[in-house]
Amino acid sequence: MISITLLQDVVDYGIIGLLGIMSFLSFFFWIERLLFYRALKVETYQYKEALEMDVSNHIHIISSFGSNAPYIGLLGTVFGIILTFYTMGLSGEIDVKHIMSSLALALKATAMGLVVAIPAIFLYNHLVRKIEKILVQWDLAHKEPKRAA
């Protein structure tokens, strides 16, 4: 049988670790996109669709992390609460100090999920706005000048 402390460590380090990786990747792809946009020459693109494909590359990852991180944190909290009740049931004792500390530790997964999600959504929205500006720049660069009649 698997020990309770092992399960608690798996939930704790597994969920928090996954959220940490998601946070790192969100910032990594945000920085990568900013560097790409800085070096981008809009005039070199003949077709707007090709430009759109290049500028929107990888931003779906940031959006996915921002929208799913709270659910992963909530999953960690639910597992933490389940383990707390399970250990209470096994021991047969109701130690308020142990219950409250276990529940507080379980809630940190939800907090971590929000800590990952909120910046990821800000980063995603920042990139979407930059993409809109780049596409307008392409439109302006490829606009045919009006001829005098």
C-alpha atoms as a PDB file:
ATOM      1  CA  MET A   1       0.000   0.000   0.000  1.00  0.00           C
ATOM      2  CA  ILE A   2       1.211   3.514  -0.818  1.00  0.00           C
ATOM      3  CA  SER A   3       1.973   5.661   2.209  1.00  0.00           C
ATOM      4  CA  ILE A   4      -0.003   8.827   2.855  1.00  0.00           C
ATOM      5  CA  THR A   5       3.104  11.006   3.045  1.00  0.00           C
ATOM      6  CA  LEU A   6       4.190   9.740  -0.373  1.00  0.00           C
ATOM      7  CA  LEU A   7       0.783  10.654  -1.815  1.00  0.00           C
ATOM      8  CA  GLN A   8       0.949  14.067  -0.159  1.00  0.00           C
ATOM      9  CA  ASP A   9       4.406  14.656  -1.636  1.00  0.00           C
ATOM     10  CA  VAL A  10       3.251  13.569  -5.088  1.00  0.00           C
ATOM     11  CA  VAL A  11       0.275  15.921  -4.929  1.00  0.00           C
ATOM     12  CA  ASP A  12       2.309  18.731  -3.437  1.00  0.00           C
ATOM     13  CA  TYR A  13       5.417  18.552  -5.590  1.00  0.00           C
ATOM     14  CA  GLY A  14       3.618  17.215  -8.663  1.00  0.00           C
ATOM     15  CA  ILE A  15       0.963  19.925  -8.858  1.00  0.00           C
ATOM     16  CA  ILE A  16       3.192  22.777  -7.700  1.00  0.00           C
ATOM     17  CA  GLY A  17       5.982  21.539  -9.975  1.00  0.00           C
ATOM     18  CA  LEU A  18       3.673  21.374 -12.982  1.00  0.00           C
ATOM     19  CA  LEU A  19       2.417  24.885 -12.267  1.00  0.00           C
ATOM     20  CA  GLY A  20       6.003  26.109 -11.905  1.00  0.00           C
ATOM     21  CA  ILE A  21       6.895  24.651 -15.300  1.00  0.00           C
ATOM     22  CA  MET A  22       3.804  26.280 -16.825  1.00  0.00           C
ATOM     23  CA  SER A  23       4.803  29.630 -15.367  1.00  0.00           C
ATOM     24  CA  PHE A  24       8.369  29.316 -16.661  1.00  0.00           C
ATOM     25  CA  LEU A  25       7.173  28.354 -20.151  1.00  0.00           C
ATOM     26  CA  SER A  26       4.682  31.241 -20.236  1.00  0.00           C
ATOM     27  CA  PHE A  27       7.452  33.752 -19.560  1.00  0.00           C
ATOM     28  CA  PHE A  28       9.833  31.952 -21.908  1.00  0.00           C
ATOM     29  CA  PHE A  29       7.417  32.087 -24.860  1.00  0.00           C
ATOM     30  CA  TRP A  30       6.478  35.702 -24.056  1.00  0.00           C
ATOM     31  CA  ILE A  31      10.135  36.755 -24.153  1.00  0.00           C
ATOM     32  CA  GLU A  32      10.744  34.678 -27.290  1.00  0.00           C
ATOM     33  CA  ARG A  33       7.827  36.373 -29.052  1.00  0.00           C
ATOM     34  CA  LEU A  34       8.966  39.851 -27.992  1.00  0.00           C
ATOM     35  CA  LEU A  35      12.440  39.193 -29.381  1.00  0.00           C
ATOM     36  CA  PHE A  36      10.918  37.856 -32.593  1.00  0.00           C
ATOM     37  CA  TYR A  37       8.681  40.932 -32.955  1.00  0.00           C
ATOM     38  CA  ARG A  38      11.630  43.239 -32.369  1.00  0.00           C
ATOM     39  CA  ALA A  39      13.587  41.657 -35.245  1.00  0.00           C
ATOM     40  CA  LEU A  40      10.542  41.363 -37.536  1.00  0.00           C
ATOM     41  CA  LYS A  41      10.561  43.204 -40.869  1.00  0.00           C
ATOM     42  CA  VAL A  42       6.923  43.587 -41.894  1.00  0.00           C
ATOM     43  CA  GLU A  43       7.847  44.765 -45.393  1.00  0.00           C
ATOM     44  CA  THR A  44       9.401  41.417 -46.269  1.00  0.00           C
ATOM     45  CA  TYR A  45       6.057  39.610 -46.129  1.00  0.00           C
ATOM     46  CA  GLN A  46       4.158  39.485 -49.380  1.00  0.00           C
ATOM     47  CA  TYR A  47       1.056  37.872 -47.894  1.00  0.00           C
ATOM     48  CA  LYS A  48      -0.644  38.934 -44.706  1.00  0.00           C
ATOM     49  CA  GLU A  49      -1.595  35.343 -43.887  1.00  0.00           C
ATOM     50  CA  ALA A  50       2.074  34.316 -43.769  1.00  0.00           C
ATOM     51  CA  LEU A  51       2.774  37.212 -41.420  1.00  0.00           C
ATOM     52  CA  GLU A  52      -0.173  36.230 -39.211  1.00  0.00           C
ATOM     53  CA  MET A  53       1.098  32.664 -38.977  1.00  0.00           C
ATOM     54  CA  ASP A  54       4.568  33.790 -37.969  1.00  0.00           C
ATOM     55  CA  VAL A  55       3.534  36.393 -35.386  1.00  0.00           C
ATOM     56  CA  SER A  56       0.924  34.201 -33.703  1.00  0.00           C
ATOM     57  CA  ASN A  57       3.232  31.212 -33.293  1.00  0.00           C
ATOM     58  CA  HIS A  58       3.356  29.838 -29.695  1.00  0.00           C
ATOM     59  CA  ILE A  59       0.898  32.295 -28.146  1.00  0.00           C
ATOM     60  CA  HIS A  60      -1.730  29.572 -27.856  1.00  0.00           C
ATOM     61  CA  ILE A  61       0.510  27.910 -25.266  1.00  0.00           C
ATOM     62  CA  ILE A  62       0.420  30.993 -23.048  1.00  0.00           C
ATOM     63  CA  SER A  63      -3.353  31.191 -23.428  1.00  0.00           C
ATOM     64  CA  SER A  64      -3.762  27.503 -22.571  1.00  0.00           C
ATOM     65  CA  PHE A  65      -1.625  27.841 -19.467  1.00  0.00           C
ATOM     66  CA  GLY A  66      -3.528  30.925 -18.368  1.00  0.00           C
ATOM     67  CA  SER A  67      -6.890  29.275 -18.749  1.00  0.00           C
ATOM     68  CA  ASN A  68      -5.955  25.872 -17.286  1.00  0.00           C
ATOM     69  CA  ALA A  69      -3.643  26.758 -14.383  1.00  0.00           C
ATOM     70  CA  PRO A  70      -6.525  27.505 -11.961  1.00  0.00           C
ATOM     71  CA  TYR A  71      -8.037  24.096 -12.698  1.00  0.00           C
ATOM     72  CA  ILE A  72      -4.745  22.326 -12.086  1.00  0.00           C
ATOM     73  CA  GLY A  73      -4.388  24.231  -8.813  1.00  0.00           C
ATOM     74  CA  LEU A  74      -7.929  23.306  -7.863  1.00  0.00           C
ATOM     75  CA  LEU A  75      -7.166  19.669  -8.645  1.00  0.00           C
ATOM     76  CA  GLY A  76      -4.239  19.823  -6.232  1.00  0.00           C
ATOM     77  CA  THR A  77      -6.482  21.336  -3.580  1.00  0.00           C
ATOM     78  CA  VAL A  78      -9.121  18.635  -4.028  1.00  0.00           C
ATOM     79  CA  PHE A  79      -6.479  15.902  -3.773  1.00  0.00           C
ATOM     80  CA  GLY A  80      -5.064  17.587  -0.666  1.00  0.00           C
ATOM     81  CA  ILE A  81      -8.483  17.712   0.961  1.00  0.00           C
ATOM     82  CA  ILE A  82      -9.180  14.084   0.054  1.00  0.00           C
ATOM     83  CA  LEU A  83      -5.869  13.049   1.626  1.00  0.00           C
ATOM     84  CA  THR A  84      -6.639  15.095   4.735  1.00  0.00           C
ATOM     85  CA  PHE A  85      -9.991  13.379   5.218  1.00  0.00           C
ATOM     86  CA  TYR A  86      -8.450  10.007   4.445  1.00  0.00           C
ATOM     87  CA  THR A  87      -5.762  10.399   7.100  1.00  0.00           C
ATOM     88  CA  MET A  88      -8.396  11.587   9.584  1.00  0.00           C
ATOM     89  CA  GLY A  89     -10.431   8.483   8.832  1.00  0.00           C
ATOM     90  CA  LEU A  90      -7.461   6.177   9.276  1.00  0.00           C
ATOM     91  CA  SER A  91      -6.307   7.682  12.535  1.00  0.00           C
ATOM     92  CA  GLY A  92      -9.768   7.995  14.046  1.00  0.00           C
ATOM     93  CA  GLU A  93      -8.649  11.185  15.782  1.00  0.00           C
ATOM     94  CA  ILE A  94      -9.841  14.680  15.124  1.00  0.00           C
ATOM     95  CA  ASP A  95      -6.874  16.936  15.704  1.00  0.00           C
ATOM     96  CA  VAL A  96      -7.938  20.433  14.731  1.00  0.00           C
ATOM     97  CA  LYS A  97      -4.355  21.614  14.438  1.00  0.00           C
ATOM     98  CA  HIS A  98      -3.498  18.841  11.949  1.00  0.00           C
ATOM     99  CA  ILE A  99      -6.714  19.343   9.957  1.00  0.00           C
ATOM    100  CA  MET A 100      -6.294  23.092   9.607  1.00  0.00           C
ATOM    101  CA  SER A 101      -2.628  22.877   8.636  1.00  0.00           C
ATOM    102  CA  SER A 102      -3.393  20.148   6.071  1.00  0.00           C
ATOM    103  CA  LEU A 103      -6.245  22.161   4.561  1.00  0.00           C
ATOM    104  CA  ALA A 104      -4.102  25.295   4.435  1.00  0.00           C
ATOM    105  CA  LEU A 105      -1.401  23.368   2.594  1.00  0.00           C
ATOM    106  CA  ALA A 106      -4.018  21.984   0.198  1.00  0.00           C
ATOM    107  CA  LEU A 107      -5.247  25.493  -0.602  1.00  0.00           C
ATOM    108  CA  LYS A 108      -1.769  26.608  -1.644  1.00  0.00           C
ATOM    109  CA  ALA A 109      -2.236  24.644  -4.876  1.00  0.00           C
ATOM    110  CA  THR A 110      -5.216  26.825  -5.805  1.00  0.00           C
ATOM    111  CA  ALA A 111      -3.256  29.948  -4.918  1.00  0.00           C
ATOM    112  CA  MET A 112      -0.343  28.786  -7.057  1.00  0.00           C
ATOM    113  CA  GLY A 113      -2.730  28.101  -9.944  1.00  0.00           C
ATOM    114  CA  LEU A 114      -3.950  31.685  -9.764  1.00  0.00           C
ATOM    115  CA  VAL A 115      -0.389  32.996  -9.443  1.00  0.00           C
ATOM    116  CA  VAL A 116       0.403  31.252 -12.723  1.00  0.00           C
ATOM    117  CA  ALA A 117      -2.851  32.085 -14.531  1.00  0.00           C
ATOM    118  CA  ILE A 118      -3.110  35.815 -13.879  1.00  0.00           C
ATOM    119  CA  PRO A 119       0.299  36.793 -15.346  1.00  0.00           C
ATOM    120  CA  ALA A 120      -0.146  34.326 -18.226  1.00  0.00           C
ATOM    121  CA  ILE A 121      -3.376  36.047 -19.261  1.00  0.00           C
ATOM    122  CA  PHE A 122      -1.694  39.455 -19.036  1.00  0.00           C
ATOM    123  CA  LEU A 123       1.215  38.191 -21.158  1.00  0.00           C
ATOM    124  CA  TYR A 124      -1.158  36.678 -23.707  1.00  0.00           C
ATOM    125  CA  ASN A 125      -3.184  39.900 -23.995  1.00  0.00           C
ATOM    126  CA  HIS A 126       0.020  41.903 -24.376  1.00  0.00           C
ATOM    127  CA  LEU A 127       1.100  39.707 -27.288  1.00  0.00           C
ATOM    128  CA  VAL A 128      -2.336  39.843 -28.917  1.00  0.00           C
ATOM    129  CA  ARG A 129      -2.174  43.639 -28.876  1.00  0.00           C
ATOM    130  CA  LYS A 130       1.330  43.584 -30.385  1.00  0.00           C
ATOM    131  CA  ILE A 131       0.097  41.231 -33.116  1.00  0.00           C
ATOM    132  CA  GLU A 132      -2.764  43.596 -33.929  1.00  0.00           C
ATOM    133  CA  LYS A 133      -0.307  46.480 -34.268  1.00  0.00           C
ATOM    134  CA  ILE A 134       2.031  44.436 -36.490  1.00  0.00           C
ATOM    135  CA  LEU A 135      -0.840  43.489 -38.790  1.00  0.00           C
ATOM    136  CA  VAL A 136      -1.906  47.134 -39.067  1.00  0.00           C
ATOM    137  CA  GLN A 137       1.690  48.017 -39.933  1.00  0.00           C
ATOM    138  CA  TRP A 138       1.584  45.426 -42.712  1.00  0.00           C
ATOM    139  CA  ASP A 139      -1.703  46.902 -43.992  1.00  0.00           C
ATOM    140  CA  LEU A 140      -0.199  50.384 -44.032  1.00  0.00           C
ATOM    141  CA  ALA A 141       3.002  49.218 -45.730  1.00  0.00           C
ATOM    142  CA  HIS A 142       1.075  47.404 -48.459  1.00  0.00           C
ATOM    143  CA  LYS A 143      -1.610  49.988 -49.012  1.00  0.00           C
ATOM    144  CA  GLU A 144      -1.666  51.310 -52.530  1.00  0.00           C
ATOM    145  CA  PRO A 145      -1.269  55.073 -52.666  1.00  0.00           C
ATOM    146  CA  LYS A 146      -4.273  56.966 -54.005  1.00  0.00           C
ATOM    147  CA  ARG A 147      -3.740  58.445 -57.416  1.00  0.00           C
ATOM    148  CA  ALA A 148      -4.735  61.948 -58.192  1.00  0.00           C
ATOM    149  CA  ALA A 149      -7.530  62.134 -60.748  1.00  0.00           C
END
